[in-house]
Amino acid sequence: MLQRGFSQLVLQYTRQYFKGITADLKLSLWGGDVVLKDLDLRLDALEQTFRIPDTHEFSSGSLKELRIHIPWTALTTQPVEITLTDLDLTLERTTATRRVV
């Protein structure tokens, strides 16, 4: 039961910030290790999270590799490890004020 809830939580957060995350990730999480490559970032979610002012915006964002390790048998004594490799994120000044939806 703990694994299911934790897997759903990880899946929820990865879908929030990365495009193209599918249910296959849920199956991979059960094994304890997931490696996802060449991911596009959800720029709108990052702008909200980091509270980017209307005068700026992220114009592009990608991640070469996302690695998640969940030690299911020692979850209370070992950390969950999330490794981001080659994060590319470009913040630009906007020429006009963005419309807040």
PDB file of N, CA and C in Angstrom:
ATOM      1  N   MET A   1       0.822  -1.190   0.000  1.00  0.00           N
ATOM      2  CA  MET A   1       0.000   0.000   0.000  1.00  0.00           C
ATOM      3  C   MET A   1       0.873   1.264   0.000  1.00  0.00           C
ATOM      4  N   LEU A   2       1.953   1.261   0.792  1.00  0.00           N
ATOM      5  CA  LEU A   2       2.855   2.404   0.845  1.00  0.00           C
ATOM      6  C   LEU A   2       3.492   2.664  -0.518  1.00  0.00           C
ATOM      7  N   GLN A   3       3.882   1.593  -1.200  1.00  0.00           N
ATOM      8  CA  GLN A   3       4.509   1.739  -2.510  1.00  0.00           C
ATOM      9  C   GLN A   3       3.559   2.391  -3.506  1.00  0.00           C
ATOM     10  N   ARG A   4       2.309   1.977  -3.482  1.00  0.00           N
ATOM     11  CA  ARG A   4       1.330   2.538  -4.422  1.00  0.00           C
ATOM     12  C   ARG A   4       1.154   4.039  -4.187  1.00  0.00           C
ATOM     13  N   GLY A   5       0.983   4.434  -2.944  1.00  0.00           N
ATOM     14  CA  GLY A   5       0.805   5.844  -2.623  1.00  0.00           C
ATOM     15  C   GLY A   5       2.027   6.675  -2.965  1.00  0.00           C
ATOM     16  N   PHE A   6       3.200   6.155  -2.658  1.00  0.00           N
ATOM     17  CA  PHE A   6       4.435   6.875  -2.934  1.00  0.00           C
ATOM     18  C   PHE A   6       4.679   6.971  -4.435  1.00  0.00           C
ATOM     19  N   SER A   7       4.388   5.888  -5.152  1.00  0.00           N
ATOM     20  CA  SER A   7       4.543   5.900  -6.609  1.00  0.00           C
ATOM     21  C   SER A   7       3.622   6.942  -7.235  1.00  0.00           C
ATOM     22  N   GLN A   8       2.403   7.034  -6.744  1.00  0.00           N
ATOM     23  CA  GLN A   8       1.457   8.027  -7.259  1.00  0.00           C
ATOM     24  C   GLN A   8       1.970   9.447  -6.999  1.00  0.00           C
ATOM     25  N   LEU A   9       2.561   9.656  -5.839  1.00  0.00           N
ATOM     26  CA  LEU A   9       3.098  10.969  -5.490  1.00  0.00           C
ATOM     27  C   LEU A   9       4.246  11.355  -6.428  1.00  0.00           C
ATOM     28  N   VAL A  10       5.164  10.431  -6.654  1.00  0.00           N
ATOM     29  CA  VAL A  10       6.289  10.690  -7.556  1.00  0.00           C
ATOM     30  C   VAL A  10       5.775  10.952  -8.970  1.00  0.00           C
ATOM     31  N   LEU A  11       4.823  10.158  -9.412  1.00  0.00           N
ATOM     32  CA  LEU A  11       4.241  10.316 -10.742  1.00  0.00           C
ATOM     33  C   LEU A  11       3.565  11.678 -10.880  1.00  0.00           C
ATOM     34  N   GLN A  12       2.850  12.099  -9.862  1.00  0.00           N
ATOM     35  CA  GLN A  12       2.159  13.394  -9.872  1.00  0.00           C
ATOM     36  C   GLN A  12       3.162  14.541 -10.048  1.00  0.00           C
ATOM     37  N   TYR A  13       4.242  14.506  -9.283  1.00  0.00           N
ATOM     38  CA  TYR A  13       5.229  15.581  -9.374  1.00  0.00           C
ATOM     39  C   TYR A  13       6.005  15.561 -10.689  1.00  0.00           C
ATOM     40  N   THR A  14       6.335  14.396 -11.197  1.00  0.00           N
ATOM     41  CA  THR A  14       7.065  14.361 -12.466  1.00  0.00           C
ATOM     42  C   THR A  14       6.180  14.849 -13.602  1.00  0.00           C
ATOM     43  N   ARG A  15       4.914  14.497 -13.586  1.00  0.00           N
ATOM     44  CA  ARG A  15       3.986  14.989 -14.622  1.00  0.00           C
ATOM     45  C   ARG A  15       3.777  16.498 -14.525  1.00  0.00           C
ATOM     46  N   GLN A  16       3.879  17.028 -13.330  1.00  0.00           N
ATOM     47  CA  GLN A  16       3.681  18.463 -13.130  1.00  0.00           C
ATOM     48  C   GLN A  16       4.792  19.268 -13.811  1.00  0.00           C
ATOM     49  N   TYR A  17       6.007  18.761 -13.803  1.00  0.00           N
ATOM     50  CA  TYR A  17       7.142  19.527 -14.304  1.00  0.00           C
ATOM     51  C   TYR A  17       7.736  19.043 -15.628  1.00  0.00           C
ATOM     52  N   PHE A  18       7.345  17.847 -16.076  1.00  0.00           N
ATOM     53  CA  PHE A  18       7.905  17.310 -17.312  1.00  0.00           C
ATOM     54  C   PHE A  18       6.802  16.876 -18.270  1.00  0.00           C
ATOM     55  N   LYS A  19       7.012  17.131 -19.563  1.00  0.00           N
ATOM     56  CA  LYS A  19       6.048  16.725 -20.594  1.00  0.00           C
ATOM     57  C   LYS A  19       6.288  15.260 -20.968  1.00  0.00           C
ATOM     58  N   GLY A  20       5.226  14.580 -21.385  1.00  0.00           N
ATOM     59  CA  GLY A  20       5.353  13.238 -21.931  1.00  0.00           C
ATOM     60  C   GLY A  20       5.554  12.114 -20.931  1.00  0.00           C
ATOM     61  N   ILE A  21       5.269  12.338 -19.660  1.00  0.00           N
ATOM     62  CA  ILE A  21       5.403  11.277 -18.655  1.00  0.00           C
ATOM     63  C   ILE A  21       4.175  10.375 -18.760  1.00  0.00           C
ATOM     64  N   THR A  22       4.406   9.079 -18.928  1.00  0.00           N
ATOM     65  CA  THR A  22       3.310   8.134 -19.125  1.00  0.00           C
ATOM     66  C   THR A  22       3.187   7.169 -17.947  1.00  0.00           C
ATOM     67  N   ALA A  23       2.192   6.312 -18.024  1.00  0.00           N
ATOM     68  CA  ALA A  23       1.949   5.313 -16.980  1.00  0.00           C
ATOM     69  C   ALA A  23       3.102   4.313 -16.875  1.00  0.00           C
ATOM     70  N   ASP A  24       3.943   4.226 -17.903  1.00  0.00           N
ATOM     71  CA  ASP A  24       5.096   3.324 -17.846  1.00  0.00           C
ATOM     72  C   ASP A  24       6.013   3.668 -16.674  1.00  0.00           C
ATOM     73  N   LEU A  25       6.035   4.926 -16.303  1.00  0.00           N
ATOM     74  CA  LEU A  25       6.857   5.344 -15.177  1.00  0.00           C
ATOM     75  C   LEU A  25       6.407   4.655 -13.896  1.00  0.00           C
ATOM     76  N   LYS A  26       5.099   4.502 -13.740  1.00  0.00           N
ATOM     77  CA  LYS A  26       4.559   3.843 -12.541  1.00  0.00           C
ATOM     78  C   LYS A  26       5.100   2.418 -12.418  1.00  0.00           C
ATOM     79  N   LEU A  27       5.142   1.704 -13.516  1.00  0.00           N
ATOM     80  CA  LEU A  27       5.660   0.338 -13.497  1.00  0.00           C
ATOM     81  C   LEU A  27       7.149   0.318 -13.170  1.00  0.00           C
ATOM     82  N   SER A  28       7.901   1.275 -13.697  1.00  0.00           N
ATOM     83  CA  SER A  28       9.329   1.342 -13.425  1.00  0.00           C
ATOM     84  C   SER A  28       9.614   1.681 -11.966  1.00  0.00           C
ATOM     85  N   LEU A  29       8.759   2.504 -11.364  1.00  0.00           N
ATOM     86  CA  LEU A  29       8.953   2.876  -9.971  1.00  0.00           C
ATOM     87  C   LEU A  29       8.877   1.682  -9.032  1.00  0.00           C
ATOM     88  N   TRP A  30       8.079   0.693  -9.391  1.00  0.00           N
ATOM     89  CA  TRP A  30       7.946  -0.494  -8.543  1.00  0.00           C
ATOM     90  C   TRP A  30       9.275  -1.214  -8.389  1.00  0.00           C
ATOM     91  N   GLY A  31      10.141  -1.115  -9.405  1.00  0.00           N
ATOM     92  CA  GLY A  31      11.457  -1.744  -9.329  1.00  0.00           C
ATOM     93  C   GLY A  31      12.440  -0.955  -8.484  1.00  0.00           C
ATOM     94  N   GLY A  32      12.127   0.298  -8.208  1.00  0.00           N
ATOM     95  CA  GLY A  32      12.982   1.125  -7.373  1.00  0.00           C
ATOM     96  C   GLY A  32      13.878   2.088  -8.125  1.00  0.00           C
ATOM     97  N   ASP A  33      14.084   1.858  -9.407  1.00  0.00           N
ATOM     98  CA  ASP A  33      14.942   2.739 -10.199  1.00  0.00           C
ATOM     99  C   ASP A  33      14.250   3.127 -11.497  1.00  0.00           C
ATOM    100  N   VAL A  34      14.315   4.420 -11.801  1.00  0.00           N
ATOM    101  CA  VAL A  34      13.746   4.939 -13.041  1.00  0.00           C
ATOM    102  C   VAL A  34      14.772   5.870 -13.662  1.00  0.00           C
ATOM    103  N   VAL A  35      14.970   5.749 -14.961  1.00  0.00           N
ATOM    104  CA  VAL A  35      15.820   6.670 -15.700  1.00  0.00           C
ATOM    105  C   VAL A  35      15.018   7.142 -16.908  1.00  0.00           C
ATOM    106  N   LEU A  36      14.791   8.444 -16.977  1.00  0.00           N
ATOM    107  CA  LEU A  36      14.085   9.046 -18.112  1.00  0.00           C
ATOM    108  C   LEU A  36      15.053   9.983 -18.816  1.00  0.00           C
ATOM    109  N   LYS A  37      15.026   9.966 -20.150  1.00  0.00           N
ATOM    110  CA  LYS A  37      15.987  10.755 -20.916  1.00  0.00           C
ATOM    111  C   LYS A  37      15.293  11.717 -21.869  1.00  0.00           C
ATOM    112  N   ASP A  38      15.988  12.812 -22.145  1.00  0.00           N
ATOM    113  CA  ASP A  38      15.561  13.819 -23.111  1.00  0.00           C
ATOM    114  C   ASP A  38      14.146  14.316 -22.843  1.00  0.00           C
ATOM    115  N   LEU A  39      13.968  14.910 -21.683  1.00  0.00           N
ATOM    116  CA  LEU A  39      12.662  15.405 -21.270  1.00  0.00           C
ATOM    117  C   LEU A  39      12.523  16.900 -21.540  1.00  0.00           C
ATOM    118  N   ASP A  40      11.320  17.308 -21.931  1.00  0.00           N
ATOM    119  CA  ASP A  40      10.990  18.719 -22.068  1.00  0.00           C
ATOM    120  C   ASP A  40      10.304  19.171 -20.798  1.00  0.00           C
ATOM    121  N   LEU A  41      10.685  20.351 -20.334  1.00  0.00           N
ATOM    122  CA  LEU A  41      10.119  20.892 -19.106  1.00  0.00           C
ATOM    123  C   LEU A  41       8.811  21.628 -19.389  1.00  0.00           C
ATOM    124  N   ARG A  42       7.915  21.604 -18.420  1.00  0.00           N
ATOM    125  CA  ARG A  42       6.685  22.395 -18.476  1.00  0.00           C
ATOM    126  C   ARG A  42       7.030  23.793 -17.937  1.00  0.00           C
ATOM    127  N   LEU A  43       7.267  24.695 -18.864  1.00  0.00           N
ATOM    128  CA  LEU A  43       7.761  26.018 -18.506  1.00  0.00           C
ATOM    129  C   LEU A  43       6.772  26.803 -17.655  1.00  0.00           C
ATOM    130  N   ASP A  44       5.492  26.661 -17.935  1.00  0.00           N
ATOM    131  CA  ASP A  44       4.482  27.382 -17.162  1.00  0.00           C
ATOM    132  C   ASP A  44       4.488  26.951 -15.696  1.00  0.00           C
ATOM    133  N   ALA A  45       4.666  25.675 -15.450  1.00  0.00           N
ATOM    134  CA  ALA A  45       4.707  25.172 -14.069  1.00  0.00           C
ATOM    135  C   ALA A  45       5.941  25.702 -13.337  1.00  0.00           C
ATOM    136  N   LEU A  46       7.071  25.769 -14.030  1.00  0.00           N
ATOM    137  CA  LEU A  46       8.290  26.292 -13.414  1.00  0.00           C
ATOM    138  C   LEU A  46       8.163  27.784 -13.109  1.00  0.00           C
ATOM    139  N   GLU A  47       7.528  28.516 -14.011  1.00  0.00           N
ATOM    140  CA  GLU A  47       7.326  29.956 -13.783  1.00  0.00           C
ATOM    141  C   GLU A  47       6.466  30.188 -12.548  1.00  0.00           C
ATOM    142  N   GLN A  48       5.453  29.369 -12.361  1.00  0.00           N
ATOM    143  CA  GLN A  48       4.599  29.496 -11.183  1.00  0.00           C
ATOM    144  C   GLN A  48       5.353  29.088  -9.912  1.00  0.00           C
ATOM    145  N   THR A  49       6.072  28.000  -9.976  1.00  0.00           N
ATOM    146  CA  THR A  49       6.810  27.497  -8.814  1.00  0.00           C
ATOM    147  C   THR A  49       7.861  28.501  -8.341  1.00  0.00           C
ATOM    148  N   PHE A  50       8.600  29.068  -9.291  1.00  0.00           N
ATOM    149  CA  PHE A  50       9.665  29.999  -8.948  1.00  0.00           C
ATOM    150  C   PHE A  50       9.189  31.452  -8.888  1.00  0.00           C
ATOM    151  N   ARG A  51       7.894  31.650  -9.095  1.00  0.00           N
ATOM    152  CA  ARG A  51       7.284  32.994  -9.030  1.00  0.00           C
ATOM    153  C   ARG A  51       8.031  34.000  -9.901  1.00  0.00           C
ATOM    154  N   ILE A  52       8.183  33.625 -11.165  1.00  0.00           N
ATOM    155  CA  ILE A  52       8.863  34.484 -12.126  1.00  0.00           C
ATOM    156  C   ILE A  52       7.974  35.701 -12.399  1.00  0.00           C
ATOM    157  N   PRO A  53       8.507  36.920 -12.302  1.00  0.00           N
ATOM    158  CA  PRO A  53       7.688  38.108 -12.545  1.00  0.00           C
ATOM    159  C   PRO A  53       7.239  38.189 -14.001  1.00  0.00           C
ATOM    160  N   ASP A  54       6.186  38.952 -14.245  1.00  0.00           N
ATOM    161  CA  ASP A  54       5.627  39.079 -15.591  1.00  0.00           C
ATOM    162  C   ASP A  54       6.608  39.661 -16.599  1.00  0.00           C
ATOM    163  N   THR A  55       7.651  40.288 -16.136  1.00  0.00           N
ATOM    164  CA  THR A  55       8.637  40.889 -17.030  1.00  0.00           C
ATOM    165  C   THR A  55       9.618  39.870 -17.603  1.00  0.00           C
ATOM    166  N   HIS A  56       9.547  38.636 -17.125  1.00  0.00           N
ATOM    167  CA  HIS A  56      10.439  37.572 -17.593  1.00  0.00           C
ATOM    168  C   HIS A  56       9.641  36.300 -17.853  1.00  0.00           C
ATOM    169  N   GLU A  57      10.230  35.413 -18.650  1.00  0.00           N
ATOM    170  CA  GLU A  57       9.614  34.106 -18.898  1.00  0.00           C
ATOM    171  C   GLU A  57      10.679  33.106 -19.307  1.00  0.00           C
ATOM    172  N   PHE A  58      10.402  31.833 -19.034  1.00  0.00           N
ATOM    173  CA  PHE A  58      11.276  30.777 -19.524  1.00  0.00           C
ATOM    174  C   PHE A  58      10.942  30.565 -20.995  1.00  0.00           C
ATOM    175  N   SER A  59      11.948  30.617 -21.852  1.00  0.00           N
ATOM    176  CA  SER A  59      11.714  30.432 -23.284  1.00  0.00           C
ATOM    177  C   SER A  59      11.991  28.999 -23.732  1.00  0.00           C
ATOM    178  N   SER A  60      12.802  28.291 -22.966  1.00  0.00           N
ATOM    179  CA  SER A  60      13.060  26.890 -23.293  1.00  0.00           C
ATOM    180  C   SER A  60      13.552  26.172 -22.049  1.00  0.00           C
ATOM    181  N   GLY A  61      13.358  24.861 -22.063  1.00  0.00           N
ATOM    182  CA  GLY A  61      13.825  24.067 -20.940  1.00  0.00           C
ATOM    183  C   GLY A  61      13.828  22.592 -21.284  1.00  0.00           C
ATOM    184  N   SER A  62      14.932  21.940 -20.984  1.00  0.00           N
ATOM    185  CA  SER A  62      15.035  20.507 -21.236  1.00  0.00           C
ATOM    186  C   SER A  62      15.954  19.873 -20.200  1.00  0.00           C
ATOM    187  N   LEU A  63      15.830  18.582 -20.081  1.00  0.00           N
ATOM    188  CA  LEU A  63      16.645  17.815 -19.152  1.00  0.00           C
ATOM    189  C   LEU A  63      17.149  16.579 -19.869  1.00  0.00           C
ATOM    190  N   LYS A  64      18.442  16.388 -19.855  1.00  0.00           N
ATOM    191  CA  LYS A  64      19.037  15.233 -20.540  1.00  0.00           C
ATOM    192  C   LYS A  64      18.670  13.928 -19.843  1.00  0.00           C
ATOM    193  N   GLU A  65      18.701  13.934 -18.492  1.00  0.00           N
ATOM    194  CA  GLU A  65      18.400  12.688 -17.778  1.00  0.00           C
ATOM    195  C   GLU A  65      17.822  12.974 -16.400  1.00  0.00           C
ATOM    196  N   LEU A  66      16.768  12.252 -16.067  1.00  0.00           N
ATOM    197  CA  LEU A  66      16.168  12.261 -14.732  1.00  0.00           C
ATOM    198  C   LEU A  66      16.281  10.851 -14.189  1.00  0.00           C
ATOM    199  N   ARG A  67      16.947  10.736 -13.052  1.00  0.00           N
ATOM    200  CA  ARG A  67      17.135   9.420 -12.430  1.00  0.00           C
ATOM    201  C   ARG A  67      16.495   9.458 -11.042  1.00  0.00           C
ATOM    202  N   ILE A  68      15.618   8.486 -10.766  1.00  0.00           N
ATOM    203  CA  ILE A  68      14.955   8.381  -9.466  1.00  0.00           C
ATOM    204  C   ILE A  68      15.266   7.006  -8.884  1.00  0.00           C
ATOM    205  N   HIS A  69      15.761   7.005  -7.648  1.00  0.00           N
ATOM    206  CA  HIS A  69      16.036   5.749  -6.949  1.00  0.00           C
ATOM    207  C   HIS A  69      15.234   5.737  -5.651  1.00  0.00           C
ATOM    208  N   ILE A  70      14.380   4.732  -5.496  1.00  0.00           N
ATOM    209  CA  ILE A  70      13.559   4.591  -4.292  1.00  0.00           C
ATOM    210  C   ILE A  70      13.940   3.287  -3.601  1.00  0.00           C
ATOM    211  N   PRO A  71      14.525   3.366  -2.408  1.00  0.00           N
ATOM    212  CA  PRO A  71      14.932   2.151  -1.689  1.00  0.00           C
ATOM    213  C   PRO A  71      13.740   1.544  -0.932  1.00  0.00           C
ATOM    214  N   TRP A  72      12.881   0.830  -1.636  1.00  0.00           N
ATOM    215  CA  TRP A  72      11.632   0.334  -1.055  1.00  0.00           C
ATOM    216  C   TRP A  72      11.837  -0.464   0.230  1.00  0.00           C
ATOM    217  N   THR A  73      12.900  -1.237   0.314  1.00  0.00           N
ATOM    218  CA  THR A  73      13.095  -2.081   1.492  1.00  0.00           C
ATOM    219  C   THR A  73      13.690  -1.321   2.674  1.00  0.00           C
ATOM    220  N   ALA A  74      14.142  -0.086   2.444  1.00  0.00           N
ATOM    221  CA  ALA A  74      14.730   0.706   3.520  1.00  0.00           C
ATOM    222  C   ALA A  74      14.263   2.157   3.442  1.00  0.00           C
ATOM    223  N   LEU A  75      13.010   2.349   3.146  1.00  0.00           N
ATOM    224  CA  LEU A  75      12.468   3.680   2.918  1.00  0.00           C
ATOM    225  C   LEU A  75      12.575   4.594   4.132  1.00  0.00           C
ATOM    226  N   THR A  76      12.538   4.035   5.319  1.00  0.00           N
ATOM    227  CA  THR A  76      12.618   4.865   6.528  1.00  0.00           C
ATOM    228  C   THR A  76      14.055   5.179   6.943  1.00  0.00           C
ATOM    229  N   THR A  77      15.030   4.468   6.372  1.00  0.00           N
ATOM    230  CA  THR A  77      16.416   4.692   6.786  1.00  0.00           C
ATOM    231  C   THR A  77      17.316   5.209   5.660  1.00  0.00           C
ATOM    232  N   GLN A  78      16.882   5.116   4.420  1.00  0.00           N
ATOM    233  CA  GLN A  78      17.683   5.580   3.291  1.00  0.00           C
ATOM    234  C   GLN A  78      16.892   6.624   2.502  1.00  0.00           C
ATOM    235  N   PRO A  79      17.594   7.589   1.918  1.00  0.00           N
ATOM    236  CA  PRO A  79      16.893   8.646   1.189  1.00  0.00           C
ATOM    237  C   PRO A  79      16.443   8.213  -0.209  1.00  0.00           C
ATOM    238  N   VAL A  80      15.398   8.844  -0.684  1.00  0.00           N
ATOM    239  CA  VAL A  80      15.024   8.744  -2.091  1.00  0.00           C
ATOM    240  C   VAL A  80      15.978   9.680  -2.824  1.00  0.00           C
ATOM    241  N   GLU A  81      16.580   9.190  -3.885  1.00  0.00           N
ATOM    242  CA  GLU A  81      17.559   9.992  -4.617  1.00  0.00           C
ATOM    243  C   GLU A  81      16.984  10.403  -5.962  1.00  0.00           C
ATOM    244  N   ILE A  82      17.041  11.693  -6.247  1.00  0.00           N
ATOM    245  CA  ILE A  82      16.602  12.224  -7.538  1.00  0.00           C
ATOM    246  C   ILE A  82      17.782  12.982  -8.114  1.00  0.00           C
ATOM    247  N   THR A  83      18.224  12.562  -9.294  1.00  0.00           N
ATOM    248  CA  THR A  83      19.387  13.165  -9.927  1.00  0.00           C
ATOM    249  C   THR A  83      18.979  13.767 -11.262  1.00  0.00           C
ATOM    250  N   LEU A  84      19.302  15.051 -11.445  1.00  0.00           N
ATOM    251  CA  LEU A  84      19.063  15.749 -12.698  1.00  0.00           C
ATOM    252  C   LEU A  84      20.407  15.927 -13.388  1.00  0.00           C
ATOM    253  N   THR A  85      20.490  15.524 -14.657  1.00  0.00           N
ATOM    254  CA  THR A  85      21.727  15.646 -15.411  1.00  0.00           C
ATOM    255  C   THR A  85      21.498  16.534 -16.629  1.00  0.00           C
ATOM    256  N   ASP A  86      22.347  17.532 -16.776  1.00  0.00           N
ATOM    257  CA  ASP A  86      22.302  18.466 -17.912  1.00  0.00           C
ATOM    258  C   ASP A  86      20.957  19.170 -18.042  1.00  0.00           C
ATOM    259  N   LEU A  87      20.640  19.955 -17.040  1.00  0.00           N
ATOM    260  CA  LEU A  87      19.446  20.783 -17.062  1.00  0.00           C
ATOM    261  C   LEU A  87      19.748  22.044 -17.857  1.00  0.00           C
ATOM    262  N   ASP A  88      18.920  22.341 -18.862  1.00  0.00           N
ATOM    263  CA  ASP A  88      19.074  23.527 -19.691  1.00  0.00           C
ATOM    264  C   ASP A  88      17.785  24.332 -19.585  1.00  0.00           C
ATOM    265  N   LEU A  89      17.886  25.512 -18.994  1.00  0.00           N
ATOM    266  CA  LEU A  89      16.716  26.345 -18.754  1.00  0.00           C
ATOM    267  C   LEU A  89      17.075  27.776 -19.107  1.00  0.00           C
ATOM    268  N   THR A  90      16.304  28.390 -20.013  1.00  0.00           N
ATOM    269  CA  THR A  90      16.588  29.742 -20.471  1.00  0.00           C
ATOM    270  C   THR A  90      15.505  30.698 -19.998  1.00  0.00           C
ATOM    271  N   LEU A  91      15.921  31.736 -19.283  1.00  0.00           N
ATOM    272  CA  LEU A  91      15.026  32.781 -18.796  1.00  0.00           C
ATOM    273  C   LEU A  91      15.311  34.047 -19.588  1.00  0.00           C
ATOM    274  N   GLU A  92      14.238  34.635 -20.153  1.00  0.00           N
ATOM    275  CA  GLU A  92      14.406  35.843 -20.951  1.00  0.00           C
ATOM    276  C   GLU A  92      13.490  36.949 -20.456  1.00  0.00           C
ATOM    277  N   ARG A  93      13.889  38.152 -20.721  1.00  0.00           N
ATOM    278  CA  ARG A  93      13.051  39.307 -20.429  1.00  0.00           C
ATOM    279  C   ARG A  93      12.009  39.414 -21.534  1.00  0.00           C
ATOM    280  N   THR A  94      10.770  39.632 -21.162  1.00  0.00           N
ATOM    281  CA  THR A  94       9.706  39.740 -22.159  1.00  0.00           C
ATOM    282  C   THR A  94       9.616  41.180 -22.649  1.00  0.00           C
ATOM    283  N   THR A  95       9.151  41.327 -23.883  1.00  0.00           N
ATOM    284  CA  THR A  95       9.007  42.666 -24.450  1.00  0.00           C
ATOM    285  C   THR A  95       7.688  43.306 -24.024  1.00  0.00           C
ATOM    286  N   ALA A  96       6.719  42.486 -23.693  1.00  0.00           N
ATOM    287  CA  ALA A  96       5.422  42.984 -23.225  1.00  0.00           C
ATOM    288  C   ALA A  96       5.021  42.195 -21.979  1.00  0.00           C
ATOM    289  N   THR A  97       4.167  42.774 -21.177  1.00  0.00           N
ATOM    290  CA  THR A  97       3.699  42.100 -19.975  1.00  0.00           C
ATOM    291  C   THR A  97       2.863  40.877 -20.363  1.00  0.00           C
ATOM    292  N   ARG A  98       3.197  39.751 -19.757  1.00  0.00           N
ATOM    293  CA  ARG A  98       2.432  38.531 -20.028  1.00  0.00           C
ATOM    294  C   ARG A  98       1.036  38.634 -19.444  1.00  0.00           C
ATOM    295  N   ARG A  99       0.129  37.969 -20.072  1.00  0.00           N
ATOM    296  CA  ARG A  99      -1.241  37.931 -19.605  1.00  0.00           C
ATOM    297  C   ARG A  99      -1.361  36.845 -18.548  1.00  0.00           C
ATOM    298  N   VAL A 100      -1.849  37.174 -17.376  1.00  0.00           N
ATOM    299  CA  VAL A 100      -2.038  36.205 -16.312  1.00  0.00           C
ATOM    300  C   VAL A 100      -3.406  35.566 -16.468  1.00  0.00           C
ATOM    301  N   VAL A 101      -3.417  34.243 -16.544  1.00  0.00           N
ATOM    302  CA  VAL A 101      -4.688  33.511 -16.734  1.00  0.00           C
ATOM    303  C   VAL A 101      -5.158  32.949 -15.435  1.00  0.00           C
TER     304      VAL A 101
END
